[in-house]
Amino acid sequence: MIDEHDYARTMTETVLPALAACRSEGWMEPSHDADLAPLDSLRTAPTPRQPKRGTPGSPIFGEHGELAEVINNAKEDIKADASAKADAIRIRNVNVNDSPTNARFAEDANVGAGNADRAAAKAVDHTGQLHYVCYDAAKFDAVREHGATATFRGAVVISHGFTEFAERFAELAWYLLLDGFSVCILEHRGHGYSPRDVEDESLVWIDDWHRYVDDLAKFCSTIGQDYALGSPLYLYGHSMGGGIAAAMLERYPTIIDKAVLSAPMIAPKTGMPLWLSPWIVELACAVGLSKHIAPTQQYFSEDFDEQFYRGLSLPRARWVHDLRVKHPEYHTNAATFGWVREGLRMYRSVLRPSACAEVEAPLLVFQADNDSYVLPQPQNRFVSLVRAGGCPAQLVHLRGSRHEMTTERNEIMRQYVGRILKFLHTPLAEE
């Protein structure tokens, strides 16, 4: 486990150079489901915004949200968005071998890319394609990093959470590589370097939650399987990514051998009864507010709020925050009405008993002790329904933990990573 007191130096001098040596980056065409209309993604970088109202960690509608307040707040954002459209928009220039993410890893790890490769990559247009990052276990072993097992165990696909991105999981990828797993991370639509459908850099929007699920299934069955090399393929999903993973395991039950769901967003915490929230967001979307910021959400701020991260590992939290500050592609921070609507629709679908009965991959589900973003009761019900359908499912309540478990202090992080590795090591026949 990385020493928290020496975290930044260890990441910069040890972890990132080893990851750079086994890292590749690519682009995937989104899944083309016949039931989903194609989306025309933006060809430009998202527009920066100034911080506005809201509190980090708040339920989406606050503790006592009311319909009138919801609509009035959204109207304010309509005016702000109309003004923002007059701002200059930076042209996005992201290529396979010359992307900002590859350049950062090369700079931090003192590993350069060839000029010929850079020149060739600049001619490629990735508009509309999903971005992913992979780490190859065999190349990692060639680095001969201290603690590496040199035993290949398969591949782990990471499905990240709301407003997250591939680099957010560098430390977790490091531990998985040390243990013999290749790692593949897809950046979901609207996140990182994947396509955006709103101009504001802070906002996350999706038209249909099935799009997330089908894209992840395609990624697992192609890129993930390629990296597994015939060995088991595992899935790790955190928060929103855990909810997407749960839905994928129901709809495509044979792709994955085992899955870890970390504080999965079976149902988001809105601060309102689950029966009432859908009515509000459906109404808001019906009157044209789908792409506008939801109440209590806030635009990205460069300020690091230590009070908000109190109880977590400040070195880990600051490392991630600094990444977000430095790169506009990582400024996603707020839900739109459309995203909330689809999150609630996904919740209703995932908890159908008939859907849960389709899950075949053994599950390890982590539940946070103090979660500000997702509800625990739907997680409990999901695990119970999966078990009732005949599939093994473990529910681990991690005492003292918060939602962002990969940002925890070492005393919790050690338990967390240890349970994950133990679960993945257990032979499939013993689950």
Foldseek 3Di string as FASTA:
>chain_A
DDDLVCPVVCCLAPLLLLQLQFKFKDWAAFDDDPVDDDAQFDQFAAQEDDKDFFDPLAAQQHQDHDLVVFQVVLVVQVVVVVVSVVDDTHGDQAWGCQGPVSVVSCVSNVNDDDPVVNVVRRVDRRRNIWMKMKGALVSSVVVVDPQAPNAAAFEEEEQEAALDDDVLCSVVCSLCSSDHYIYMYIAFDCAFPHTNRHRHLAERADQALVSRLRRVLVCLQPVRVVRRVPHFYEYEYAACRLLSVLLNCLVPVPSHQAYEYAQYALDWRRSDDLVPLLVSLVVCVVVPQRRTFGPNWIFADLDDDVVVCPQFSVSSVVVRSVVCNVDSSSRHTTYTSNVNNNSSVSSVVSLDLSSLLRHAHEYEYEHEPAESIHDVVSVVSSQVSNVVSPHHYHYHYQPSGYRPQVRHDPVSVVVVSVVVVVVSPDDSVVD
